Amino acid sequence: MLNLLLRKSESRHSVKKISPDQAKQQLETNQAIVLLDVREAAEYANAHIPGSINLPLSQVQRVEEIIPEKNTTVFVYCLSGGRSQGAASQMVKMGYQNVYNLGGINGWRYETVSGSH
């Protein structure tokens, strides 16, 4: 019983996965979602999902400056999904409750833009 309760608690405060199709659909209908790109600045400038914010994985501890509200829905992505999983895990440990690993931009079939903004 205790084991079941622990697992239930962990699942509520763990990184969830979201597919590019699901993310695209939700982003179109919910302006409050934050899209966080955790790649380096040069990678972000080369191509990123429109509306995303760049915060390299090495600086993810600064996320509270950008997203102060811990119940904000955040979709995190990188190039292939490894860095985004690491960043999302760190955010959950910091108390963020609605963190989704979108995976990598290499799986994003929709529009991307270039430039630093």
PDB file of N, CA and C in Angstrom:
ATOM      1  N   MET A   1       0.825  -1.200   0.000  1.00  0.00           N
ATOM      2  CA  MET A   1       0.000   0.000   0.000  1.00  0.00           C
ATOM      3  C   MET A   1       0.863   1.255   0.000  1.00  0.00           C
ATOM      4  N   LEU A   2       1.840   1.301   0.909  1.00  0.00           N
ATOM      5  CA  LEU A   2       2.729   2.463   0.958  1.00  0.00           C
ATOM      6  C   LEU A   2       3.474   2.618  -0.365  1.00  0.00           C
ATOM      7  N   ASN A   3       3.906   1.497  -0.934  1.00  0.00           N
ATOM      8  CA  ASN A   3       4.603   1.517  -2.210  1.00  0.00           C
ATOM      9  C   ASN A   3       3.727   2.131  -3.302  1.00  0.00           C
ATOM     10  N   LEU A   4       2.455   1.788  -3.328  1.00  0.00           N
ATOM     11  CA  LEU A   4       1.524   2.337  -4.291  1.00  0.00           C
ATOM     12  C   LEU A   4       1.367   3.845  -4.100  1.00  0.00           C
ATOM     13  N   LEU A   5       1.263   4.280  -2.865  1.00  0.00           N
ATOM     14  CA  LEU A   5       1.149   5.718  -2.582  1.00  0.00           C
ATOM     15  C   LEU A   5       2.406   6.468  -3.010  1.00  0.00           C
ATOM     16  N   LEU A   6       3.560   5.894  -2.763  1.00  0.00           N
ATOM     17  CA  LEU A   6       4.814   6.533  -3.173  1.00  0.00           C
ATOM     18  C   LEU A   6       4.881   6.665  -4.690  1.00  0.00           C
ATOM     19  N   ARG A   7       4.503   5.612  -5.395  1.00  0.00           N
ATOM     20  CA  ARG A   7       4.529   5.661  -6.849  1.00  0.00           C
ATOM     21  C   ARG A   7       3.561   6.709  -7.380  1.00  0.00           C
ATOM     22  N   LYS A   8       2.394   6.804  -6.776  1.00  0.00           N
ATOM     23  CA  LYS A   8       1.404   7.786  -7.201  1.00  0.00           C
ATOM     24  C   LYS A   8       1.938   9.200  -6.974  1.00  0.00           C
ATOM     25  N   SER A   9       2.573   9.450  -5.859  1.00  0.00           N
ATOM     26  CA  SER A   9       3.168  10.740  -5.561  1.00  0.00           C
ATOM     27  C   SER A   9       4.281  11.067  -6.541  1.00  0.00           C
ATOM     28  N   GLU A  10       5.121  10.081  -6.837  1.00  0.00           N
ATOM     29  CA  GLU A  10       6.215  10.302  -7.788  1.00  0.00           C
ATOM     30  C   GLU A  10       5.677  10.642  -9.164  1.00  0.00           C
ATOM     31  N   SER A  11       4.616   9.964  -9.606  1.00  0.00           N
ATOM     32  CA  SER A  11       4.104  10.200 -10.951  1.00  0.00           C
ATOM     33  C   SER A  11       3.508  11.597 -11.078  1.00  0.00           C
ATOM     34  N   ARG A  12       2.961  12.111  -9.993  1.00  0.00           N
ATOM     35  CA  ARG A  12       2.383  13.446 -10.035  1.00  0.00           C
ATOM     36  C   ARG A  12       3.474  14.504 -10.142  1.00  0.00           C
ATOM     37  N   HIS A  13       4.649  14.199  -9.629  1.00  0.00           N
ATOM     38  CA  HIS A  13       5.745  15.165  -9.636  1.00  0.00           C
ATOM     39  C   HIS A  13       6.906  14.668 -10.478  1.00  0.00           C
ATOM     40  N   SER A  14       6.593  14.069 -11.613  1.00  0.00           N
ATOM     41  CA  SER A  14       7.641  13.592 -12.485  1.00  0.00           C
ATOM     42  C   SER A  14       7.491  14.254 -13.852  1.00  0.00           C
ATOM     43  N   VAL A  15       8.506  14.068 -14.665  1.00  0.00           N
ATOM     44  CA  VAL A  15       8.479  14.630 -16.011  1.00  0.00           C
ATOM     45  C   VAL A  15       7.534  13.793 -16.868  1.00  0.00           C
ATOM     46  N   LYS A  16       6.643  14.478 -17.524  1.00  0.00           N
ATOM     47  CA  LYS A  16       5.726  13.806 -18.430  1.00  0.00           C
ATOM     48  C   LYS A  16       6.267  13.974 -19.849  1.00  0.00           C
ATOM     49  N   LYS A  17       5.883  13.100 -20.734  1.00  0.00           N
ATOM     50  CA  LYS A  17       6.277  13.216 -22.138  1.00  0.00           C
ATOM     51  C   LYS A  17       5.098  13.735 -22.936  1.00  0.00           C
ATOM     52  N   ILE A  18       5.412  14.510 -23.981  1.00  0.00           N
ATOM     53  CA  ILE A  18       4.368  14.983 -24.890  1.00  0.00           C
ATOM     54  C   ILE A  18       4.907  14.866 -26.309  1.00  0.00           C
ATOM     55  N   SER A  19       4.066  14.420 -27.210  1.00  0.00           N
ATOM     56  CA  SER A  19       4.486  14.268 -28.602  1.00  0.00           C
ATOM     57  C   SER A  19       4.446  15.625 -29.303  1.00  0.00           C
ATOM     58  N   PRO A  20       5.202  15.774 -30.387  1.00  0.00           N
ATOM     59  CA  PRO A  20       5.123  17.033 -31.149  1.00  0.00           C
ATOM     60  C   PRO A  20       3.705  17.352 -31.602  1.00  0.00           C
ATOM     61  N   ASP A  21       2.944  16.333 -32.027  1.00  0.00           N
ATOM     62  CA  ASP A  21       1.566  16.580 -32.474  1.00  0.00           C
ATOM     63  C   ASP A  21       0.689  17.100 -31.338  1.00  0.00           C
ATOM     64  N   GLN A  22       0.815  16.462 -30.156  1.00  0.00           N
ATOM     65  CA  GLN A  22       0.035  16.908 -28.996  1.00  0.00           C
ATOM     66  C   GLN A  22       0.462  18.319 -28.586  1.00  0.00           C
ATOM     67  N   ALA A  23       1.763  18.566 -28.591  1.00  0.00           N
ATOM     68  CA  ALA A  23       2.273  19.887 -28.196  1.00  0.00           C
ATOM     69  C   ALA A  23       1.770  20.967 -29.142  1.00  0.00           C
ATOM     70  N   LYS A  24       1.844  20.709 -30.435  1.00  0.00           N
ATOM     71  CA  LYS A  24       1.396  21.681 -31.433  1.00  0.00           C
ATOM     72  C   LYS A  24      -0.070  22.027 -31.202  1.00  0.00           C
ATOM     73  N   GLN A  25      -0.876  21.014 -30.988  1.00  0.00           N
ATOM     74  CA  GLN A  25      -2.310  21.220 -30.758  1.00  0.00           C
ATOM     75  C   GLN A  25      -2.546  22.066 -29.505  1.00  0.00           C
ATOM     76  N   GLN A  26      -1.862  21.734 -28.414  1.00  0.00           N
ATOM     77  CA  GLN A  26      -2.051  22.485 -27.175  1.00  0.00           C
ATOM     78  C   GLN A  26      -1.516  23.907 -27.283  1.00  0.00           C
ATOM     79  N   LEU A  27      -0.390  24.084 -27.969  1.00  0.00           N
ATOM     80  CA  LEU A  27       0.178  25.428 -28.128  1.00  0.00           C
ATOM     81  C   LEU A  27      -0.758  26.340 -28.920  1.00  0.00           C
ATOM     82  N   GLU A  28      -1.491  25.767 -29.846  1.00  0.00           N
ATOM     83  CA  GLU A  28      -2.424  26.562 -30.649  1.00  0.00           C
ATOM     84  C   GLU A  28      -3.621  27.041 -29.843  1.00  0.00           C
ATOM     85  N   THR A  29      -3.968  26.326 -28.774  1.00  0.00           N
ATOM     86  CA  THR A  29      -5.167  26.670 -28.016  1.00  0.00           C
ATOM     87  C   THR A  29      -4.889  27.244 -26.634  1.00  0.00           C
ATOM     88  N   ASN A  30      -3.634  27.198 -26.182  1.00  0.00           N
ATOM     89  CA  ASN A  30      -3.328  27.655 -24.829  1.00  0.00           C
ATOM     90  C   ASN A  30      -2.099  28.564 -24.835  1.00  0.00           C
ATOM     91  N   GLN A  31      -2.341  29.854 -24.764  1.00  0.00           N
ATOM     92  CA  GLN A  31      -1.259  30.842 -24.789  1.00  0.00           C
ATOM     93  C   GLN A  31      -0.404  30.839 -23.525  1.00  0.00           C
ATOM     94  N   ALA A  32      -0.888  30.205 -22.458  1.00  0.00           N
ATOM     95  CA  ALA A  32      -0.168  30.237 -21.185  1.00  0.00           C
ATOM     96  C   ALA A  32       0.972  29.214 -21.110  1.00  0.00           C
ATOM     97  N   ILE A  33       1.068  28.319 -22.075  1.00  0.00           N
ATOM     98  CA  ILE A  33       2.138  27.318 -22.074  1.00  0.00           C
ATOM     99  C   ILE A  33       3.459  27.983 -22.416  1.00  0.00           C
ATOM    100  N   VAL A  34       4.492  27.646 -21.660  1.00  0.00           N
ATOM    101  CA  VAL A  34       5.830  28.158 -21.944  1.00  0.00           C
ATOM    102  C   VAL A  34       6.603  27.071 -22.673  1.00  0.00           C
ATOM    103  N   LEU A  35       7.201  27.434 -23.787  1.00  0.00           N
ATOM    104  CA  LEU A  35       8.007  26.533 -24.591  1.00  0.00           C
ATOM    105  C   LEU A  35       9.469  26.879 -24.321  1.00  0.00           C
ATOM    106  N   LEU A  36      10.198  25.951 -23.719  1.00  0.00           N
ATOM    107  CA  LEU A  36      11.561  26.209 -23.258  1.00  0.00           C
ATOM    108  C   LEU A  36      12.560  25.390 -24.060  1.00  0.00           C
ATOM    109  N   ASP A  37      13.455  26.082 -24.767  1.00  0.00           N
ATOM    110  CA  ASP A  37      14.513  25.458 -25.563  1.00  0.00           C
ATOM    111  C   ASP A  37      15.784  25.474 -24.729  1.00  0.00           C
ATOM    112  N   VAL A  38      16.316  24.296 -24.398  1.00  0.00           N
ATOM    113  CA  VAL A  38      17.472  24.234 -23.507  1.00  0.00           C
ATOM    114  C   VAL A  38      18.784  23.970 -24.254  1.00  0.00           C
ATOM    115  N   ARG A  39      18.801  24.257 -25.548  1.00  0.00           N
ATOM    116  CA  ARG A  39      20.034  24.146 -26.318  1.00  0.00           C
ATOM    117  C   ARG A  39      20.882  25.403 -26.125  1.00  0.00           C
ATOM    118  N   GLU A  40      22.092  25.362 -26.626  1.00  0.00           N
ATOM    119  CA  GLU A  40      22.974  26.524 -26.542  1.00  0.00           C
ATOM    120  C   GLU A  40      22.461  27.630 -27.472  1.00  0.00           C
ATOM    121  N   ALA A  41      22.886  28.870 -27.203  1.00  0.00           N
ATOM    122  CA  ALA A  41      22.389  30.034 -27.938  1.00  0.00           C
ATOM    123  C   ALA A  41      22.605  29.921 -29.448  1.00  0.00           C
ATOM    124  N   ALA A  42      23.743  29.404 -29.882  1.00  0.00           N
ATOM    125  CA  ALA A  42      24.022  29.277 -31.315  1.00  0.00           C
ATOM    126  C   ALA A  42      23.066  28.282 -31.975  1.00  0.00           C
ATOM    127  N   GLU A  43      22.742  27.198 -31.273  1.00  0.00           N
ATOM    128  CA  GLU A  43      21.791  26.222 -31.802  1.00  0.00           C
ATOM    129  C   GLU A  43      20.402  26.853 -31.926  1.00  0.00           C
ATOM    130  N   TYR A  44      20.023  27.597 -30.894  1.00  0.00           N
ATOM    131  CA  TYR A  44      18.729  28.271 -30.875  1.00  0.00           C
ATOM    132  C   TYR A  44      18.636  29.267 -32.025  1.00  0.00           C
ATOM    133  N   ALA A  45      19.708  30.034 -32.247  1.00  0.00           N
ATOM    134  CA  ALA A  45      19.712  31.040 -33.312  1.00  0.00           C
ATOM    135  C   ALA A  45      19.583  30.389 -34.686  1.00  0.00           C
ATOM    136  N   ASN A  46      20.119  29.191 -34.819  1.00  0.00           N
ATOM    137  CA  ASN A  46      20.065  28.489 -36.101  1.00  0.00           C
ATOM    138  C   ASN A  46      18.629  28.096 -36.468  1.00  0.00           C
ATOM    139  N   ALA A  47      17.886  27.546 -35.506  1.00  0.00           N
ATOM    140  CA  ALA A  47      16.484  27.170 -35.740  1.00  0.00           C
ATOM    141  C   ALA A  47      15.831  26.850 -34.403  1.00  0.00           C
ATOM    142  N   HIS A  48      14.640  27.390 -34.208  1.00  0.00           N
ATOM    143  CA  HIS A  48      13.883  27.096 -32.996  1.00  0.00           C
ATOM    144  C   HIS A  48      12.388  27.183 -33.285  1.00  0.00           C
ATOM    145  N   ILE A  49      11.611  26.662 -32.369  1.00  0.00           N
ATOM    146  CA  ILE A  49      10.162  26.704 -32.504  1.00  0.00           C
ATOM    147  C   ILE A  49       9.693  28.119 -32.164  1.00  0.00           C
ATOM    148  N   PRO A  50       8.847  28.698 -33.011  1.00  0.00           N
ATOM    149  CA  PRO A  50       8.373  30.064 -32.753  1.00  0.00           C
ATOM    150  C   PRO A  50       7.755  30.203 -31.362  1.00  0.00           C
ATOM    151  N   GLY A  51       8.090  31.301 -30.695  1.00  0.00           N
ATOM    152  CA  GLY A  51       7.539  31.576 -29.370  1.00  0.00           C
ATOM    153  C   GLY A  51       8.303  30.943 -28.233  1.00  0.00           C
ATOM    154  N   SER A  52       9.343  30.183 -28.545  1.00  0.00           N
ATOM    155  CA  SER A  52      10.096  29.528 -27.478  1.00  0.00           C
ATOM    156  C   SER A  52      11.078  30.486 -26.823  1.00  0.00           C
ATOM    157  N   ILE A  53      11.475  30.133 -25.614  1.00  0.00           N
ATOM    158  CA  ILE A  53      12.455  30.895 -24.834  1.00  0.00           C
ATOM    159  C   ILE A  53      13.708  30.038 -24.735  1.00  0.00           C
ATOM    160  N   ASN A  54      14.858  30.647 -24.960  1.00  0.00           N
ATOM    161  CA  ASN A  54      16.119  29.904 -24.873  1.00  0.00           C
ATOM    162  C   ASN A  54      16.731  30.053 -23.489  1.00  0.00           C
ATOM    163  N   LEU A  55      16.957  28.915 -22.850  1.00  0.00           N
ATOM    164  CA  LEU A  55      17.657  28.854 -21.574  1.00  0.00           C
ATOM    165  C   LEU A  55      18.507  27.592 -21.603  1.00  0.00           C
ATOM    166  N   PRO A  56      19.800  27.720 -21.935  1.00  0.00           N
ATOM    167  CA  PRO A  56      20.649  26.532 -22.049  1.00  0.00           C
ATOM    168  C   PRO A  56      20.604  25.675 -20.783  1.00  0.00           C
ATOM    169  N   LEU A  57      20.746  24.371 -20.977  1.00  0.00           N
ATOM    170  CA  LEU A  57      20.721  23.417 -19.870  1.00  0.00           C
ATOM    171  C   LEU A  57      21.677  23.834 -18.755  1.00  0.00           C
ATOM    172  N   SER A  58      22.837  24.363 -19.116  1.00  0.00           N
ATOM    173  CA  SER A  58      23.823  24.758 -18.103  1.00  0.00           C
ATOM    174  C   SER A  58      23.327  25.891 -17.213  1.00  0.00           C
ATOM    175  N   GLN A  59      22.247  26.574 -17.616  1.00  0.00           N
ATOM    176  CA  GLN A  59      21.712  27.691 -16.842  1.00  0.00           C
ATOM    177  C   GLN A  59      20.309  27.418 -16.313  1.00  0.00           C
ATOM    178  N   VAL A  60      19.879  26.155 -16.365  1.00  0.00           N
ATOM    179  CA  VAL A  60      18.489  25.844 -16.023  1.00  0.00           C
ATOM    180  C   VAL A  60      18.143  26.235 -14.581  1.00  0.00           C
ATOM    181  N   GLN A  61      19.124  26.338 -13.703  1.00  0.00           N
ATOM    182  CA  GLN A  61      18.836  26.775 -12.334  1.00  0.00           C
ATOM    183  C   GLN A  61      18.286  28.200 -12.302  1.00  0.00           C
ATOM    184  N   ARG A  62      18.426  28.953 -13.393  1.00  0.00           N
ATOM    185  CA  ARG A  62      17.879  30.316 -13.488  1.00  0.00           C
ATOM    186  C   ARG A  62      16.419  30.339 -13.950  1.00  0.00           C
ATOM    187  N   VAL A  63      15.823  29.175 -14.147  1.00  0.00           N
ATOM    188  CA  VAL A  63      14.477  29.110 -14.699  1.00  0.00           C
ATOM    189  C   VAL A  63      13.471  29.894 -13.857  1.00  0.00           C
ATOM    190  N   GLU A  64      13.700  29.981 -12.556  1.00  0.00           N
ATOM    191  CA  GLU A  64      12.760  30.715 -11.688  1.00  0.00           C
ATOM    192  C   GLU A  64      12.710  32.202 -12.026  1.00  0.00           C
ATOM    193  N   GLU A  65      13.768  32.741 -12.628  1.00  0.00           N
ATOM    194  CA  GLU A  65      13.764  34.143 -13.057  1.00  0.00           C
ATOM    195  C   GLU A  65      12.842  34.335 -14.261  1.00  0.00           C
ATOM    196  N   ILE A  66      12.734  33.301 -15.079  1.00  0.00           N
ATOM    197  CA  ILE A  66      11.948  33.372 -16.313  1.00  0.00           C
ATOM    198  C   ILE A  66      10.527  32.873 -16.098  1.00  0.00           C
ATOM    199  N   ILE A  67      10.399  31.814 -15.296  1.00  0.00           N
ATOM    200  CA  ILE A  67       9.095  31.202 -15.023  1.00  0.00           C
ATOM    201  C   ILE A  67       8.927  31.112 -13.506  1.00  0.00           C
ATOM    202  N   PRO A  68       8.504  32.195 -12.869  1.00  0.00           N
ATOM    203  CA  PRO A  68       8.415  32.176 -11.403  1.00  0.00           C
ATOM    204  C   PRO A  68       7.279  31.305 -10.857  1.00  0.00           C
ATOM    205  N   GLU A  69       6.217  31.143 -11.622  1.00  0.00           N
ATOM    206  CA  GLU A  69       5.048  30.391 -11.159  1.00  0.00           C
ATOM    207  C   GLU A  69       5.269  28.899 -11.383  1.00  0.00           C
ATOM    208  N   LYS A  70       5.332  28.122 -10.295  1.00  0.00           N
ATOM    209  CA  LYS A  70       5.703  26.708 -10.368  1.00  0.00           C
ATOM    210  C   LYS A  70       4.625  25.799 -10.953  1.00  0.00           C
ATOM    211  N   ASN A  71       3.391  26.314 -11.105  1.00  0.00           N
ATOM    212  CA  ASN A  71       2.369  25.463 -11.712  1.00  0.00           C
ATOM    213  C   ASN A  71       2.133  25.796 -13.187  1.00  0.00           C
ATOM    214  N   THR A  72       3.009  26.614 -13.769  1.00  0.00           N
ATOM    215  CA  THR A  72       2.953  26.916 -15.201  1.00  0.00           C
ATOM    216  C   THR A  72       3.217  25.634 -15.996  1.00  0.00           C
ATOM    217  N   THR A  73       2.493  25.451 -17.077  1.00  0.00           N
ATOM    218  CA  THR A  73       2.764  24.325 -17.966  1.00  0.00           C
ATOM    219  C   THR A  73       3.960  24.684 -18.844  1.00  0.00           C
ATOM    220  N   VAL A  74       4.977  23.820 -18.830  1.00  0.00           N
ATOM    221  CA  VAL A  74       6.215  24.069 -19.569  1.00  0.00           C
ATOM    222  C   VAL A  74       6.514  22.871 -20.458  1.00  0.00           C
ATOM    223  N   PHE A  75       6.716  23.137 -21.750  1.00  0.00           N
ATOM    224  CA  PHE A  75       7.171  22.121 -22.691  1.00  0.00           C
ATOM    225  C   PHE A  75       8.654  22.388 -22.926  1.00  0.00           C
ATOM    226  N   VAL A  76       9.498  21.416 -22.616  1.00  0.00           N
ATOM    227  CA  VAL A  76      10.950  21.571 -22.730  1.00  0.00           C
ATOM    228  C   VAL A  76      11.441  20.755 -23.917  1.00  0.00           C
ATOM    229  N   TYR A  77      12.319  21.373 -24.745  1.00  0.00           N
ATOM    230  CA  TYR A  77      12.899  20.626 -25.859  1.00  0.00           C
ATOM    231  C   TYR A  77      14.357  21.003 -26.070  1.00  0.00           C
ATOM    232  N   CYS A  78      15.054  20.149 -26.818  1.00  0.00           N
ATOM    233  CA  CYS A  78      16.452  20.384 -27.174  1.00  0.00           C
ATOM    234  C   CYS A  78      16.632  19.894 -28.611  1.00  0.00           C
ATOM    235  N   LEU A  79      17.756  19.264 -28.923  1.00  0.00           N
ATOM    236  CA  LEU A  79      17.959  18.739 -30.273  1.00  0.00           C
ATOM    237  C   LEU A  79      17.347  17.349 -30.425  1.00  0.00           C
ATOM    238  N   SER A  80      17.669  16.448 -29.495  1.00  0.00           N
ATOM    239  CA  SER A  80      17.200  15.065 -29.648  1.00  0.00           C
ATOM    240  C   SER A  80      16.448  14.517 -28.439  1.00  0.00           C
ATOM    241  N   GLY A  81      16.387  15.242 -27.334  1.00  0.00           N
ATOM    242  CA  GLY A  81      15.597  14.828 -26.183  1.00  0.00           C
ATOM    243  C   GLY A  81      16.376  14.562 -24.910  1.00  0.00           C
ATOM    244  N   GLY A  82      17.692  14.432 -24.984  1.00  0.00           N
ATOM    245  CA  GLY A  82      18.497  14.155 -23.792  1.00  0.00           C
ATOM    246  C   GLY A  82      18.602  15.337 -22.853  1.00  0.00           C
ATOM    247  N   ARG A  83      18.984  16.484 -23.390  1.00  0.00           N
ATOM    248  CA  ARG A  83      19.114  17.680 -22.542  1.00  0.00           C
ATOM    249  C   ARG A  83      17.765  18.124 -22.003  1.00  0.00           C
ATOM    250  N   SER A  84      16.722  17.982 -22.813  1.00  0.00           N
ATOM    251  CA  SER A  84      15.399  18.393 -22.336  1.00  0.00           C
ATOM    252  C   SER A  84      14.936  17.510 -21.183  1.00  0.00           C
ATOM    253  N   GLN A  85      15.258  16.225 -21.230  1.00  0.00           N
ATOM    254  CA  GLN A  85      14.905  15.340 -20.116  1.00  0.00           C
ATOM    255  C   GLN A  85      15.653  15.765 -18.853  1.00  0.00           C
ATOM    256  N   GLY A  86      16.942  16.073 -18.987  1.00  0.00           N
ATOM    257  CA  GLY A  86      17.732  16.518 -17.835  1.00  0.00           C
ATOM    258  C   GLY A  86      17.216  17.819 -17.252  1.00  0.00           C
ATOM    259  N   ALA A  87      16.898  18.779 -18.127  1.00  0.00           N
ATOM    260  CA  ALA A  87      16.383  20.072 -17.662  1.00  0.00           C
ATOM    261  C   ALA A  87      15.027  19.904 -16.995  1.00  0.00           C
ATOM    262  N   ALA A  88      14.160  19.118 -17.609  1.00  0.00           N
ATOM    263  CA  ALA A  88      12.820  18.905 -17.045  1.00  0.00           C
ATOM    264  C   ALA A  88      12.918  18.227 -15.681  1.00  0.00           C
ATOM    265  N   SER A  89      13.813  17.258 -15.548  1.00  0.00           N
ATOM    266  CA  SER A  89      14.002  16.588 -14.256  1.00  0.00           C
ATOM    267  C   SER A  89      14.467  17.573 -13.191  1.00  0.00           C
ATOM    268  N   GLN A  90      15.397  18.458 -13.552  1.00  0.00           N
ATOM    269  CA  GLN A  90      15.863  19.467 -12.598  1.00  0.00           C
ATOM    270  C   GLN A  90      14.719  20.393 -12.197  1.00  0.00           C
ATOM    271  N   MET A  91      13.893  20.765 -13.157  1.00  0.00           N
ATOM    272  CA  MET A  91      12.765  21.652 -12.858  1.00  0.00           C
ATOM    273  C   MET A  91      11.780  20.996 -11.902  1.00  0.00           C
ATOM    274  N   VAL A  92      11.515  19.709 -12.093  1.00  0.00           N
ATOM    275  CA  VAL A  92      10.616  18.994 -11.189  1.00  0.00           C
ATOM    276  C   VAL A  92      11.201  18.997  -9.778  1.00  0.00           C
ATOM    277  N   LYS A  93      12.497  18.775  -9.656  1.00  0.00           N
ATOM    278  CA  LYS A  93      13.147  18.810  -8.344  1.00  0.00           C
ATOM    279  C   LYS A  93      13.066  20.194  -7.707  1.00  0.00           C
ATOM    280  N   MET A  94      12.974  21.234  -8.545  1.00  0.00           N
ATOM    281  CA  MET A  94      12.852  22.604  -8.051  1.00  0.00           C
ATOM    282  C   MET A  94      11.412  22.938  -7.664  1.00  0.00           C
ATOM    283  N   GLY A  95      10.481  22.011  -7.926  1.00  0.00           N
ATOM    284  CA  GLY A  95       9.097  22.231  -7.526  1.00  0.00           C
ATOM    285  C   GLY A  95       8.124  22.514  -8.649  1.00  0.00           C
ATOM    286  N   TYR A  96       8.579  22.508  -9.890  1.00  0.00           N
ATOM    287  CA  TYR A  96       7.661  22.719 -11.017  1.00  0.00           C
ATOM    288  C   TYR A  96       6.780  21.485 -11.173  1.00  0.00           C
ATOM    289  N   GLN A  97       5.485  21.720 -11.405  1.00  0.00           N
ATOM    290  CA  GLN A  97       4.516  20.637 -11.352  1.00  0.00           C
ATOM    291  C   GLN A  97       3.994  20.174 -12.703  1.00  0.00           C
ATOM    292  N   ASN A  98       4.133  20.985 -13.731  1.00  0.00           N
ATOM    293  CA  ASN A  98       3.565  20.652 -15.047  1.00  0.00           C
ATOM    294  C   ASN A  98       4.626  20.752 -16.132  1.00  0.00           C
ATOM    295  N   VAL A  99       5.644  19.923 -16.004  1.00  0.00           N
ATOM    296  CA  VAL A  99       6.767  19.944 -16.926  1.00  0.00           C
ATOM    297  C   VAL A  99       6.651  18.761 -17.873  1.00  0.00           C
ATOM    298  N   TYR A 100       6.742  19.043 -19.164  1.00  0.00           N
ATOM    299  CA  TYR A 100       6.642  18.014 -20.192  1.00  0.00           C
ATOM    300  C   TYR A 100       7.905  18.014 -21.043  1.00  0.00           C
ATOM    301  N   ASN A 101       8.446  16.829 -21.296  1.00  0.00           N
ATOM    302  CA  ASN A 101       9.576  16.692 -22.192  1.00  0.00           C
ATOM    303  C   ASN A 101       9.027  16.513 -23.603  1.00  0.00           C
ATOM    304  N   LEU A 102       9.219  17.531 -24.416  1.00  0.00           N
ATOM    305  CA  LEU A 102       8.794  17.489 -25.811  1.00  0.00           C
ATOM    306  C   LEU A 102       9.798  16.700 -26.655  1.00  0.00           C
ATOM    307  N   GLY A 103      10.984  16.498 -26.112  1.00  0.00           N
ATOM    308  CA  GLY A 103      12.000  15.757 -26.856  1.00  0.00           C
ATOM    309  C   GLY A 103      12.854  16.699 -27.679  1.00  0.00           C
ATOM    310  N   GLY A 104      13.126  16.321 -28.919  1.00  0.00           N
ATOM    311  CA  GLY A 104      14.040  17.091 -29.743  1.00  0.00           C
ATOM    312  C   GLY A 104      13.369  17.828 -30.877  1.00  0.00           C
ATOM    313  N   ILE A 105      13.964  18.942 -31.235  1.00  0.00           N
ATOM    314  CA  ILE A 105      13.470  19.721 -32.367  1.00  0.00           C
ATOM    315  C   ILE A 105      13.627  18.914 -33.658  1.00  0.00           C
ATOM    316  N   ASN A 106      14.503  17.918 -33.627  1.00  0.00           N
ATOM    317  CA  ASN A 106      14.655  17.071 -34.817  1.00  0.00           C
ATOM    318  C   ASN A 106      13.410  16.233 -35.086  1.00  0.00           C
ATOM    319  N   GLY A 107      12.500  16.135 -34.128  1.00  0.00           N
ATOM    320  CA  GLY A 107      11.238  15.439 -34.333  1.00  0.00           C
ATOM    321  C   GLY A 107      10.062  16.382 -34.578  1.00  0.00           C
ATOM    322  N   TRP A 108      10.335  17.680 -34.595  1.00  0.00           N
ATOM    323  CA  TRP A 108       9.301  18.702 -34.781  1.00  0.00           C
ATOM    324  C   TRP A 108       9.089  18.908 -36.277  1.00  0.00           C
ATOM    325  N   ARG A 109       7.925  18.543 -36.793  1.00  0.00           N
ATOM    326  CA  ARG A 109       7.648  18.633 -38.238  1.00  0.00           C
ATOM    327  C   ARG A 109       7.011  19.949 -38.630  1.00  0.00           C
ATOM    328  N   TYR A 110       6.872  20.846 -37.696  1.00  0.00           N
ATOM    329  CA  TYR A 110       6.159  22.084 -37.949  1.00  0.00           C
ATOM    330  C   TYR A 110       7.147  23.243 -38.156  1.00  0.00           C
ATOM    331  N   GLU A 111       6.614  24.435 -38.198  1.00  0.00           N
ATOM    332  CA  GLU A 111       7.416  25.617 -38.485  1.00  0.00           C
ATOM    333  C   GLU A 111       8.536  25.819 -37.452  1.00  0.00           C
ATOM    334  N   THR A 112       9.695  26.240 -37.968  1.00  0.00           N
ATOM    335  CA  THR A 112      10.780  26.725 -37.112  1.00  0.00           C
ATOM    336  C   THR A 112      11.225  28.062 -37.683  1.00  0.00           C
ATOM    337  N   VAL A 113      11.866  28.836 -36.854  1.00  0.00           N
ATOM    338  CA  VAL A 113      12.390  30.128 -37.266  1.00  0.00           C
ATOM    339  C   VAL A 113      13.849  30.208 -36.848  1.00  0.00           C
ATOM    340  N   SER A 114      14.558  31.164 -37.423  1.00  0.00           N
ATOM    341  CA  SER A 114      15.952  31.365 -37.027  1.00  0.00           C
ATOM    342  C   SER A 114      16.107  32.755 -36.444  1.00  0.00           C
ATOM    343  N   GLY A 115      17.244  33.004 -35.809  1.00  0.00           N
ATOM    344  CA  GLY A 115      17.499  34.277 -35.159  1.00  0.00           C
ATOM    345  C   GLY A 115      17.504  34.095 -33.653  1.00  0.00           C
ATOM    346  N   SER A 116      17.933  35.122 -32.962  1.00  0.00           N
ATOM    347  CA  SER A 116      18.080  35.003 -31.518  1.00  0.00           C
ATOM    348  C   SER A 116      16.804  35.322 -30.747  1.00  0.00           C
ATOM    349  N   HIS A 117      15.727  35.736 -31.421  1.00  0.00           N
ATOM    350  CA  HIS A 117      14.463  36.039 -30.713  1.00  0.00           C
ATOM    351  C   HIS A 117      13.316  35.274 -31.291  1.00  0.00           C
TER     352      HIS A 117
END
